Amino acid sequence: PYIDYPEVKLVGVEAGGQGIDTPYHAASINRGQVGVLHGNRTMVM
């Protein structure tokens, strides 16, 4: 509902786990690649 309120900044927070430079995290948007998972094209680890 806030997408069309440009003055409101939207921030999503992903799970960095033990650090995104380690194999132990779940930051798909920040460290994933485009792929297909569970029926949709998205960013995938």
ModelCIF file with pLDDT and N, C-alpha, C, O atoms, coordinates in Angstrom:
data_MODEL
#
_entry.id   MODEL 
#
_entity.id                         1 
_entity.type                       polymer 
_entity.pdbx_number_of_molecules   1 
#
_entity_poly.entity_id                      1 
_entity_poly.type                           'polypeptide(L)' 
_entity_poly.nstd_linkage                   no 
_entity_poly.nstd_monomer                   no 
_entity_poly.pdbx_seq_one_letter_code       PYIDYPEVKLVGVEAGGQGIDTPYHAASINRGQVGVLHGNRTMVM 
_entity_poly.pdbx_seq_one_letter_code_can   PYIDYPEVKLVGVEAGGQGIDTPYHAASINRGQVGVLHGNRTMVM 
_entity_poly.pdbx_strand_id                 A 
#
loop_
_entity_poly_seq.entity_id 
_entity_poly_seq.num 
_entity_poly_seq.mon_id 
_entity_poly_seq.hetero 
1 1  PRO n 
1 2  TYR n 
1 3  ILE n 
1 4  ASP n 
1 5  TYR n 
1 6  PRO n 
1 7  GLU n 
1 8  VAL n 
1 9  LYS n 
1 10 LEU n 
1 11 VAL n 
1 12 GLY n 
1 13 VAL n 
1 14 GLU n 
1 15 ALA n 
1 16 GLY n 
1 17 GLY n 
1 18 GLN n 
1 19 GLY n 
1 20 ILE n 
1 21 ASP n 
1 22 THR n 
1 23 PRO n 
1 24 TYR n 
1 25 HIS n 
1 26 ALA n 
1 27 ALA n 
1 28 SER n 
1 29 ILE n 
1 30 ASN n 
1 31 ARG n 
1 32 GLY n 
1 33 GLN n 
1 34 VAL n 
1 35 GLY n 
1 36 VAL n 
1 37 LEU n 
1 38 HIS n 
1 39 GLY n 
1 40 ASN n 
1 41 ARG n 
1 42 THR n 
1 43 MET n 
1 44 VAL n 
1 45 MET n 
#
_struct_asym.id          A 
_struct_asym.entity_id   1 
#
loop_
_ma_qa_metric.id 
_ma_qa_metric.mode 
_ma_qa_metric.name 
_ma_qa_metric.software_group_id 
_ma_qa_metric.type 
1 global pLDDT . pLDDT 
2 local  pLDDT . pLDDT 
#
_ma_qa_metric_global.metric_id      1 
_ma_qa_metric_global.metric_value   97.09 
_ma_qa_metric_global.model_id       1 
_ma_qa_metric_global.ordinal_id     1 
#
loop_
_ma_qa_metric_local.label_asym_id 
_ma_qa_metric_local.label_comp_id 
_ma_qa_metric_local.label_seq_id 
_ma_qa_metric_local.metric_id 
_ma_qa_metric_local.metric_value 
_ma_qa_metric_local.model_id 
_ma_qa_metric_local.ordinal_id 
A PRO 1  2 98.00 1 1  
A TYR 2  2 98.00 1 2  
A ILE 3  2 98.00 1 3  
A ASP 4  2 97.00 1 4  
A TYR 5  2 98.00 1 5  
A PRO 6  2 97.00 1 6  
A GLU 7  2 98.00 1 7  
A VAL 8  2 98.00 1 8  
A LYS 9  2 98.00 1 9  
A LEU 10 2 99.00 1 10 
A VAL 11 2 99.00 1 11 
A GLY 12 2 98.00 1 12 
A VAL 13 2 98.00 1 13 
A GLU 14 2 98.00 1 14 
A ALA 15 2 98.00 1 15 
A GLY 16 2 98.00 1 16 
A GLY 17 2 97.00 1 17 
A GLN 18 2 97.00 1 18 
A GLY 19 2 97.00 1 19 
A ILE 20 2 96.00 1 20 
A ASP 21 2 96.00 1 21 
A THR 22 2 96.00 1 22 
A PRO 23 2 94.00 1 23 
A TYR 24 2 96.00 1 24 
A HIS 25 2 97.00 1 25 
A ALA 26 2 97.00 1 26 
A ALA 27 2 98.00 1 27 
A SER 28 2 98.00 1 28 
A ILE 29 2 98.00 1 29 
A ASN 30 2 98.00 1 30 
A ARG 31 2 97.00 1 31 
A GLY 32 2 97.00 1 32 
A GLN 33 2 97.00 1 33 
A VAL 34 2 97.00 1 34 
A GLY 35 2 97.00 1 35 
A VAL 36 2 96.00 1 36 
A LEU 37 2 94.00 1 37 
A HIS 38 2 92.00 1 38 
A GLY 39 2 95.00 1 39 
A ASN 40 2 97.00 1 40 
A ARG 41 2 98.00 1 41 
A THR 42 2 98.00 1 42 
A MET 43 2 98.00 1 43 
A VAL 44 2 97.00 1 44 
A MET 45 2 96.00 1 45 
#
loop_
_atom_site.group_PDB 
_atom_site.id 
_atom_site.type_symbol 
_atom_site.label_atom_id 
_atom_site.label_alt_id 
_atom_site.label_comp_id 
_atom_site.label_asym_id 
_atom_site.label_entity_id 
_atom_site.label_seq_id 
_atom_site.pdbx_PDB_ins_code 
_atom_site.Cartn_x 
_atom_site.Cartn_y 
_atom_site.Cartn_z 
_atom_site.occupancy 
_atom_site.B_iso_or_equiv 
_atom_site.pdbx_formal_charge 
_atom_site.auth_seq_id 
_atom_site.auth_comp_id 
_atom_site.auth_asym_id 
_atom_site.auth_atom_id 
_atom_site.pdbx_PDB_model_num 
ATOM 1   N N  . PRO A 1 1  ? 0.798  -1.228  0.000   1.00 98.00 ? 1  PRO A N  1 
ATOM 2   C CA . PRO A 1 1  ? 0.000  0.000   0.000   1.00 98.00 ? 1  PRO A CA 1 
ATOM 3   C C  . PRO A 1 1  ? 0.833  1.282   0.000   1.00 98.00 ? 1  PRO A C  1 
ATOM 4   O O  . PRO A 1 1  ? 0.322  2.350   -0.337  1.00 98.00 ? 1  PRO A O  1 
ATOM 5   N N  . TYR A 1 2  ? 2.103  1.187   0.372   1.00 98.00 ? 2  TYR A N  1 
ATOM 6   C CA . TYR A 1 2  ? 2.968  2.364   0.405   1.00 98.00 ? 2  TYR A CA 1 
ATOM 7   C C  . TYR A 1 2  ? 3.752  2.581   -0.897  1.00 98.00 ? 2  TYR A C  1 
ATOM 8   O O  . TYR A 1 2  ? 4.454  3.584   -1.026  1.00 98.00 ? 2  TYR A O  1 
ATOM 9   N N  . ILE A 1 3  ? 3.646  1.671   -1.850  1.00 98.00 ? 3  ILE A N  1 
ATOM 10  C CA . ILE A 1 3  ? 4.460  1.793   -3.064  1.00 98.00 ? 3  ILE A CA 1 
ATOM 11  C C  . ILE A 1 3  ? 4.202  3.115   -3.775  1.00 98.00 ? 3  ILE A C  1 
ATOM 12  O O  . ILE A 1 3  ? 5.133  3.733   -4.292  1.00 98.00 ? 3  ILE A O  1 
ATOM 13  N N  . ASP A 1 4  ? 2.952  3.552   -3.803  1.00 97.00 ? 4  ASP A N  1 
ATOM 14  C CA . ASP A 1 4  ? 2.619  4.800   -4.483  1.00 97.00 ? 4  ASP A CA 1 
ATOM 15  C C  . ASP A 1 4  ? 2.731  6.021   -3.569  1.00 97.00 ? 4  ASP A C  1 
ATOM 16  O O  . ASP A 1 4  ? 2.184  7.080   -3.878  1.00 97.00 ? 4  ASP A O  1 
ATOM 17  N N  . TYR A 1 5  ? 3.441  5.876   -2.442  1.00 98.00 ? 5  TYR A N  1 
ATOM 18  C CA . TYR A 1 5  ? 3.812  6.997   -1.565  1.00 98.00 ? 5  TYR A CA 1 
ATOM 19  C C  . TYR A 1 5  ? 5.323  7.181   -1.680  1.00 98.00 ? 5  TYR A C  1 
ATOM 20  O O  . TYR A 1 5  ? 6.064  6.688   -0.829  1.00 98.00 ? 5  TYR A O  1 
ATOM 21  N N  . PRO A 1 6  ? 5.800  7.884   -2.718  1.00 97.00 ? 6  PRO A N  1 
ATOM 22  C CA . PRO A 1 6  ? 7.248  7.922   -2.996  1.00 97.00 ? 6  PRO A CA 1 
ATOM 23  C C  . PRO A 1 6  ? 8.090  8.523   -1.873  1.00 97.00 ? 6  PRO A C  1 
ATOM 24  O O  . PRO A 1 6  ? 9.293  8.274   -1.799  1.00 97.00 ? 6  PRO A O  1 
ATOM 25  N N  . GLU A 1 7  ? 7.466  9.310   -1.002  1.00 98.00 ? 7  GLU A N  1 
ATOM 26  C CA . GLU A 1 7  ? 8.227  9.908   0.097   1.00 98.00 ? 7  GLU A CA 1 
ATOM 27  C C  . GLU A 1 7  ? 8.538  8.912   1.207   1.00 98.00 ? 7  GLU A C  1 
ATOM 28  O O  . GLU A 1 7  ? 9.354  9.195   2.084   1.00 98.00 ? 7  GLU A O  1 
ATOM 29  N N  . VAL A 1 8  ? 7.893  7.742   1.175   1.00 98.00 ? 8  VAL A N  1 
ATOM 30  C CA . VAL A 1 8  ? 8.110  6.701   2.189   1.00 98.00 ? 8  VAL A CA 1 
ATOM 31  C C  . VAL A 1 8  ? 9.123  5.701   1.650   1.00 98.00 ? 8  VAL A C  1 
ATOM 32  O O  . VAL A 1 8  ? 8.870  5.045   0.640   1.00 98.00 ? 8  VAL A O  1 
ATOM 33  N N  . LYS A 1 9  ? 10.264 5.582   2.315   1.00 98.00 ? 9  LYS A N  1 
ATOM 34  C CA . LYS A 1 9  ? 11.292 4.637   1.880   1.00 98.00 ? 9  LYS A CA 1 
ATOM 35  C C  . LYS A 1 9  ? 10.970 3.243   2.409   1.00 98.00 ? 9  LYS A C  1 
ATOM 36  O O  . LYS A 1 9  ? 10.602 3.086   3.573   1.00 98.00 ? 9  LYS A O  1 
ATOM 37  N N  . LEU A 1 10 ? 11.108 2.241   1.558   1.00 99.00 ? 10 LEU A N  1 
ATOM 38  C CA . LEU A 1 10 ? 10.806 0.857   1.908   1.00 99.00 ? 10 LEU A CA 1 
ATOM 39  C C  . LEU A 1 10 ? 12.109 0.081   2.018   1.00 99.00 ? 10 LEU A C  1 
ATOM 40  O O  . LEU A 1 10 ? 12.928 0.090   1.099   1.00 99.00 ? 10 LEU A O  1 
ATOM 41  N N  . VAL A 1 11 ? 12.294 -0.592  3.155   1.00 99.00 ? 11 VAL A N  1 
ATOM 42  C CA . VAL A 1 11 ? 13.541 -1.325  3.402   1.00 99.00 ? 11 VAL A CA 1 
ATOM 43  C C  . VAL A 1 11 ? 13.220 -2.740  3.861   1.00 99.00 ? 11 VAL A C  1 
ATOM 44  O O  . VAL A 1 11 ? 12.597 -2.939  4.904   1.00 99.00 ? 11 VAL A O  1 
ATOM 45  N N  . GLY A 1 12 ? 13.650 -3.718  3.075   1.00 98.00 ? 12 GLY A N  1 
ATOM 46  C CA . GLY A 1 12 ? 13.561 -5.116  3.480   1.00 98.00 ? 12 GLY A CA 1 
ATOM 47  C C  . GLY A 1 12 ? 14.879 -5.539  4.104   1.00 98.00 ? 12 GLY A C  1 
ATOM 48  O O  . GLY A 1 12 ? 15.944 -5.064  3.710   1.00 98.00 ? 12 GLY A O  1 
ATOM 49  N N  . VAL A 1 13 ? 14.800 -6.433  5.077   1.00 98.00 ? 13 VAL A N  1 
ATOM 50  C CA . VAL A 1 13 ? 16.001 -6.879  5.790   1.00 98.00 ? 13 VAL A CA 1 
ATOM 51  C C  . VAL A 1 13 ? 16.125 -8.388  5.683   1.00 98.00 ? 13 VAL A C  1 
ATOM 52  O O  . VAL A 1 13 ? 15.276 -9.130  6.177   1.00 98.00 ? 13 VAL A O  1 
ATOM 53  N N  . GLU A 1 14 ? 17.191 -8.831  5.033   1.00 98.00 ? 14 GLU A N  1 
ATOM 54  C CA . GLU A 1 14 ? 17.435 -10.262 4.843   1.00 98.00 ? 14 GLU A CA 1 
ATOM 55  C C  . GLU A 1 14 ? 18.295 -10.827 5.974   1.00 98.00 ? 14 GLU A C  1 
ATOM 56  O O  . GLU A 1 14 ? 18.915 -10.089 6.740   1.00 98.00 ? 14 GLU A O  1 
ATOM 57  N N  . ALA A 1 15 ? 18.310 -12.149 6.051   1.00 98.00 ? 15 ALA A N  1 
ATOM 58  C CA . ALA A 1 15 ? 19.069 -12.841 7.088   1.00 98.00 ? 15 ALA A CA 1 
ATOM 59  C C  . ALA A 1 15 ? 20.521 -13.003 6.659   1.00 98.00 ? 15 ALA A C  1 
ATOM 60  O O  . ALA A 1 15 ? 20.832 -13.725 5.712   1.00 98.00 ? 15 ALA A O  1 
ATOM 61  N N  . GLY A 1 16 ? 21.397 -12.315 7.379   1.00 98.00 ? 16 GLY A N  1 
ATOM 62  C CA . GLY A 1 16 ? 22.833 -12.405 7.078   1.00 98.00 ? 16 GLY A CA 1 
ATOM 63  C C  . GLY A 1 16 ? 23.515 -13.581 7.739   1.00 98.00 ? 16 GLY A C  1 
ATOM 64  O O  . GLY A 1 16 ? 24.685 -13.848 7.462   1.00 98.00 ? 16 GLY A O  1 
ATOM 65  N N  . GLY A 1 17 ? 22.804 -14.301 8.618   1.00 97.00 ? 17 GLY A N  1 
ATOM 66  C CA . GLY A 1 17 ? 23.377 -15.474 9.259   1.00 97.00 ? 17 GLY A CA 1 
ATOM 67  C C  . GLY A 1 17 ? 24.694 -15.165 9.941   1.00 97.00 ? 17 GLY A C  1 
ATOM 68  O O  . GLY A 1 17 ? 24.779 -14.277 10.789  1.00 97.00 ? 17 GLY A O  1 
ATOM 69  N N  . GLN A 1 18 ? 25.722 -15.909 9.559   1.00 97.00 ? 18 GLN A N  1 
ATOM 70  C CA . GLN A 1 18 ? 27.059 -15.702 10.104  1.00 97.00 ? 18 GLN A CA 1 
ATOM 71  C C  . GLN A 1 18 ? 27.899 -14.757 9.250   1.00 97.00 ? 18 GLN A C  1 
ATOM 72  O O  . GLN A 1 18 ? 29.096 -14.584 9.484   1.00 97.00 ? 18 GLN A O  1 
ATOM 73  N N  . GLY A 1 19 ? 27.253 -14.148 8.255   1.00 97.00 ? 19 GLY A N  1 
ATOM 74  C CA . GLY A 1 19 ? 27.950 -13.193 7.383   1.00 97.00 ? 19 GLY A CA 1 
ATOM 75  C C  . GLY A 1 19 ? 27.737 -13.550 5.926   1.00 97.00 ? 19 GLY A C  1 
ATOM 76  O O  . GLY A 1 19 ? 27.804 -14.721 5.554   1.00 97.00 ? 19 GLY A O  1 
ATOM 77  N N  . ILE A 1 20 ? 27.477 -12.533 5.086   1.00 96.00 ? 20 ILE A N  1 
ATOM 78  C CA . ILE A 1 20 ? 27.175 -12.845 3.678   1.00 96.00 ? 20 ILE A CA 1 
ATOM 79  C C  . ILE A 1 20 ? 28.424 -13.184 2.873   1.00 96.00 ? 20 ILE A C  1 
ATOM 80  O O  . ILE A 1 20 ? 28.325 -13.542 1.699   1.00 96.00 ? 20 ILE A O  1 
ATOM 81  N N  . ASP A 1 21 ? 29.587 -13.077 3.487   1.00 96.00 ? 21 ASP A N  1 
ATOM 82  C CA . ASP A 1 21 ? 30.810 -13.537 2.816   1.00 96.00 ? 21 ASP A CA 1 
ATOM 83  C C  . ASP A 1 21 ? 31.182 -14.950 3.261   1.00 96.00 ? 21 ASP A C  1 
ATOM 84  O O  . ASP A 1 21 ? 32.253 -15.457 2.926   1.00 96.00 ? 21 ASP A O  1 
ATOM 85  N N  . THR A 1 22 ? 30.279 -15.581 4.024   1.00 96.00 ? 22 THR A N  1 
ATOM 86  C CA . THR A 1 22 ? 30.421 -16.991 4.400   1.00 96.00 ? 22 THR A CA 1 
ATOM 87  C C  . THR A 1 22 ? 29.323 -17.780 3.689   1.00 96.00 ? 22 THR A C  1 
ATOM 88  O O  . THR A 1 22 ? 28.435 -17.179 3.084   1.00 96.00 ? 22 THR A O  1 
ATOM 89  N N  . PRO A 1 23 ? 29.364 -19.111 3.747   1.00 94.00 ? 23 PRO A N  1 
ATOM 90  C CA . PRO A 1 23 ? 28.270 -19.895 3.152   1.00 94.00 ? 23 PRO A CA 1 
ATOM 91  C C  . PRO A 1 23 ? 27.029 -19.948 4.039   1.00 94.00 ? 23 PRO A C  1 
ATOM 92  O O  . PRO A 1 23 ? 26.045 -20.590 3.672   1.00 94.00 ? 23 PRO A O  1 
ATOM 93  N N  . TYR A 1 24 ? 27.053 -19.287 5.201   1.00 96.00 ? 24 TYR A N  1 
ATOM 94  C CA . TYR A 1 24 ? 26.009 -19.480 6.206   1.00 96.00 ? 24 TYR A CA 1 
ATOM 95  C C  . TYR A 1 24 ? 25.123 -18.240 6.344   1.00 96.00 ? 24 TYR A C  1 
ATOM 96  O O  . TYR A 1 24 ? 25.213 -17.498 7.322   1.00 96.00 ? 24 TYR A O  1 
ATOM 97  N N  . HIS A 1 25 ? 24.276 -18.038 5.354   1.00 97.00 ? 25 HIS A N  1 
ATOM 98  C CA . HIS A 1 25 ? 23.332 -16.925 5.380   1.00 97.00 ? 25 HIS A CA 1 
ATOM 99  C C  . HIS A 1 25 ? 22.152 -17.278 4.473   1.00 97.00 ? 25 HIS A C  1 
ATOM 100 O O  . HIS A 1 25 ? 22.125 -18.343 3.858   1.00 97.00 ? 25 HIS A O  1 
ATOM 101 N N  . ALA A 1 26 ? 21.172 -16.359 4.401   1.00 97.00 ? 26 ALA A N  1 
ATOM 102 C CA . ALA A 1 26 ? 20.001 -16.583 3.550   1.00 97.00 ? 26 ALA A CA 1 
ATOM 103 C C  . ALA A 1 26 ? 19.622 -15.281 2.837   1.00 97.00 ? 26 ALA A C  1 
ATOM 104 O O  . ALA A 1 26 ? 18.443 -14.948 2.719   1.00 97.00 ? 26 ALA A O  1 
ATOM 105 N N  . ALA A 1 27 ? 20.630 -14.558 2.370   1.00 98.00 ? 27 ALA A N  1 
ATOM 106 C CA . ALA A 1 27 ? 20.415 -13.258 1.734   1.00 98.00 ? 27 ALA A CA 1 
ATOM 107 C C  . ALA A 1 27 ? 20.266 -13.425 0.224   1.00 98.00 ? 27 ALA A C  1 
ATOM 108 O O  . ALA A 1 27 ? 21.194 -13.135 -0.531  1.00 98.00 ? 27 ALA A O  1 
ATOM 109 N N  . SER A 1 28 ? 19.114 -13.888 -0.205  1.00 98.00 ? 28 SER A N  1 
ATOM 110 C CA . SER A 1 28 ? 18.902 -14.234 -1.609  1.00 98.00 ? 28 SER A CA 1 
ATOM 111 C C  . SER A 1 28 ? 18.981 -13.029 -2.535  1.00 98.00 ? 28 SER A C  1 
ATOM 112 O O  . SER A 1 28 ? 19.554 -13.122 -3.620  1.00 98.00 ? 28 SER A O  1 
ATOM 113 N N  . ILE A 1 29 ? 18.414 -11.899 -2.123  1.00 98.00 ? 29 ILE A N  1 
ATOM 114 C CA . ILE A 1 29 ? 18.429 -10.722 -2.997  1.00 98.00 ? 29 ILE A CA 1 
ATOM 115 C C  . ILE A 1 29 ? 19.849 -10.171 -3.105  1.00 98.00 ? 29 ILE A C  1 
ATOM 116 O O  . ILE A 1 29 ? 20.279 -9.781  -4.191  1.00 98.00 ? 29 ILE A O  1 
ATOM 117 N N  . ASN A 1 30 ? 20.578 -10.135 -1.995  1.00 98.00 ? 30 ASN A N  1 
ATOM 118 C CA . ASN A 1 30 ? 21.914 -9.543  -1.983  1.00 98.00 ? 30 ASN A CA 1 
ATOM 119 C C  . ASN A 1 30 ? 23.000 -10.464 -2.514  1.00 98.00 ? 30 ASN A C  1 
ATOM 120 O O  . ASN A 1 30 ? 24.022 -9.991  -3.010  1.00 98.00 ? 30 ASN A O  1 
ATOM 121 N N  . ARG A 1 31 ? 22.792 -11.777 -2.417  1.00 97.00 ? 31 ARG A N  1 
ATOM 122 C CA . ARG A 1 31 ? 23.845 -12.704 -2.828  1.00 97.00 ? 31 ARG A CA 1 
ATOM 123 C C  . ARG A 1 31 ? 23.368 -13.809 -3.774  1.00 97.00 ? 31 ARG A C  1 
ATOM 124 O O  . ARG A 1 31 ? 24.152 -14.680 -4.149  1.00 97.00 ? 31 ARG A O  1 
ATOM 125 N N  . GLY A 1 32 ? 22.114 -13.780 -4.155  1.00 97.00 ? 32 GLY A N  1 
ATOM 126 C CA . GLY A 1 32 ? 21.602 -14.818 -5.042  1.00 97.00 ? 32 GLY A CA 1 
ATOM 127 C C  . GLY A 1 32 ? 21.809 -14.492 -6.512  1.00 97.00 ? 32 GLY A C  1 
ATOM 128 O O  . GLY A 1 32 ? 22.359 -13.450 -6.871  1.00 97.00 ? 32 GLY A O  1 
ATOM 129 N N  . GLN A 1 33 ? 21.353 -15.412 -7.350  1.00 97.00 ? 33 GLN A N  1 
ATOM 130 C CA . GLN A 1 33 ? 21.381 -15.231 -8.803  1.00 97.00 ? 33 GLN A CA 1 
ATOM 131 C C  . GLN A 1 33 ? 19.989 -15.523 -9.340  1.00 97.00 ? 33 GLN A C  1 
ATOM 132 O O  . GLN A 1 33 ? 19.206 -16.232 -8.708  1.00 97.00 ? 33 GLN A O  1 
ATOM 133 N N  . VAL A 1 34 ? 19.686 -14.974 -10.507 1.00 97.00 ? 34 VAL A N  1 
ATOM 134 C CA . VAL A 1 34 ? 18.379 -15.227 -11.101 1.00 97.00 ? 34 VAL A CA 1 
ATOM 135 C C  . VAL A 1 34 ? 18.243 -16.717 -11.413 1.00 97.00 ? 34 VAL A C  1 
ATOM 136 O O  . VAL A 1 34 ? 19.118 -17.315 -12.040 1.00 97.00 ? 34 VAL A O  1 
ATOM 137 N N  . GLY A 1 35 ? 17.145 -17.298 -10.969 1.00 97.00 ? 35 GLY A N  1 
ATOM 138 C CA . GLY A 1 35 ? 16.893 -18.710 -11.207 1.00 97.00 ? 35 GLY A CA 1 
ATOM 139 C C  . GLY A 1 35 ? 15.426 -19.019 -10.974 1.00 97.00 ? 35 GLY A C  1 
ATOM 140 O O  . GLY A 1 35 ? 14.624 -18.124 -10.706 1.00 97.00 ? 35 GLY A O  1 
ATOM 141 N N  . VAL A 1 36 ? 15.090 -20.277 -11.078 1.00 96.00 ? 36 VAL A N  1 
ATOM 142 C CA . VAL A 1 36 ? 13.711 -20.722 -10.870 1.00 96.00 ? 36 VAL A CA 1 
ATOM 143 C C  . VAL A 1 36 ? 13.672 -21.601 -9.629  1.00 96.00 ? 36 VAL A C  1 
ATOM 144 O O  . VAL A 1 36 ? 14.440 -22.556 -9.505  1.00 96.00 ? 36 VAL A O  1 
ATOM 145 N N  . LEU A 1 37 ? 12.771 -21.270 -8.714  1.00 94.00 ? 37 LEU A N  1 
ATOM 146 C CA . LEU A 1 37 ? 12.602 -22.046 -7.492  1.00 94.00 ? 37 LEU A CA 1 
ATOM 147 C C  . LEU A 1 37 ? 11.126 -22.086 -7.146  1.00 94.00 ? 37 LEU A C  1 
ATOM 148 O O  . LEU A 1 37 ? 10.451 -21.057 -7.122  1.00 94.00 ? 37 LEU A O  1 
ATOM 149 N N  . HIS A 1 38 ? 10.637 -23.276 -6.881  1.00 92.00 ? 38 HIS A N  1 
ATOM 150 C CA . HIS A 1 38 ? 9.254  -23.473 -6.449  1.00 92.00 ? 38 HIS A CA 1 
ATOM 151 C C  . HIS A 1 38 ? 8.258  -22.746 -7.352  1.00 92.00 ? 38 HIS A C  1 
ATOM 152 O O  . HIS A 1 38 ? 7.318  -22.100 -6.889  1.00 92.00 ? 38 HIS A O  1 
ATOM 153 N N  . GLY A 1 39 ? 8.497  -22.876 -8.649  1.00 95.00 ? 39 GLY A N  1 
ATOM 154 C CA . GLY A 1 39 ? 7.494  -22.453 -9.621  1.00 95.00 ? 39 GLY A CA 1 
ATOM 155 C C  . GLY A 1 39 ? 7.549  -21.019 -10.070 1.00 95.00 ? 39 GLY A C  1 
ATOM 156 O O  . GLY A 1 39 ? 6.672  -20.582 -10.816 1.00 95.00 ? 39 GLY A O  1 
ATOM 157 N N  . ASN A 1 40 ? 8.565  -20.251 -9.638  1.00 97.00 ? 40 ASN A N  1 
ATOM 158 C CA . ASN A 1 40 ? 8.648  -18.858 -10.096 1.00 97.00 ? 40 ASN A CA 1 
ATOM 159 C C  . ASN A 1 40 ? 10.096 -18.454 -10.332 1.00 97.00 ? 40 ASN A C  1 
ATOM 160 O O  . ASN A 1 40 ? 11.017 -19.008 -9.732  1.00 97.00 ? 40 ASN A O  1 
ATOM 161 N N  . ARG A 1 41 ? 10.281 -17.467 -11.226 1.00 98.00 ? 41 ARG A N  1 
ATOM 162 C CA . ARG A 1 41 ? 11.625 -16.937 -11.473 1.00 98.00 ? 41 ARG A CA 1 
ATOM 163 C C  . ARG A 1 41 ? 11.888 -15.829 -10.466 1.00 98.00 ? 41 ARG A C  1 
ATOM 164 O O  . ARG A 1 41 ? 11.093 -14.902 -10.312 1.00 98.00 ? 41 ARG A O  1 
ATOM 165 N N  . THR A 1 42 ? 13.027 -15.948 -9.780  1.00 98.00 ? 42 THR A N  1 
ATOM 166 C CA . THR A 1 42 ? 13.336 -15.002 -8.726  1.00 98.00 ? 42 THR A CA 1 
ATOM 167 C C  . THR A 1 42 ? 14.842 -15.019 -8.491  1.00 98.00 ? 42 THR A C  1 
ATOM 168 O O  . THR A 1 42 ? 15.589 -15.527 -9.327  1.00 98.00 ? 42 THR A O  1 
ATOM 169 N N  . MET A 1 43 ? 15.294 -14.476 -7.374  1.00 98.00 ? 43 MET A N  1 
ATOM 170 C CA . MET A 1 43 ? 16.693 -14.579 -6.987  1.00 98.00 ? 43 MET A CA 1 
ATOM 171 C C  . MET A 1 43 ? 16.840 -15.781 -6.058  1.00 98.00 ? 43 MET A C  1 
ATOM 172 O O  . MET A 1 43 ? 16.091 -15.933 -5.093  1.00 98.00 ? 43 MET A O  1 
ATOM 173 N N  . VAL A 1 44 ? 17.812 -16.625 -6.367  1.00 97.00 ? 44 VAL A N  1 
ATOM 174 C CA . VAL A 1 44 ? 17.951 -17.909 -5.680  1.00 97.00 ? 44 VAL A CA 1 
ATOM 175 C C  . VAL A 1 44 ? 19.393 -18.085 -5.221  1.00 97.00 ? 44 VAL A C  1 
ATOM 176 O O  . VAL A 1 44 ? 20.331 -17.739 -5.940  1.00 97.00 ? 44 VAL A O  1 
ATOM 177 N N  . MET A 1 45 ? 19.559 -18.624 -4.028  1.00 96.00 ? 45 MET A N  1 
ATOM 178 C CA . MET A 1 45 ? 20.879 -19.024 -3.563  1.00 96.00 ? 45 MET A CA 1 
ATOM 179 C C  . MET A 1 45 ? 21.247 -20.327 -4.267  1.00 96.00 ? 45 MET A C  1 
ATOM 180 O O  . MET A 1 45 ? 22.328 -20.870 -4.037  1.00 96.00 ? 45 MET A O  1 
#
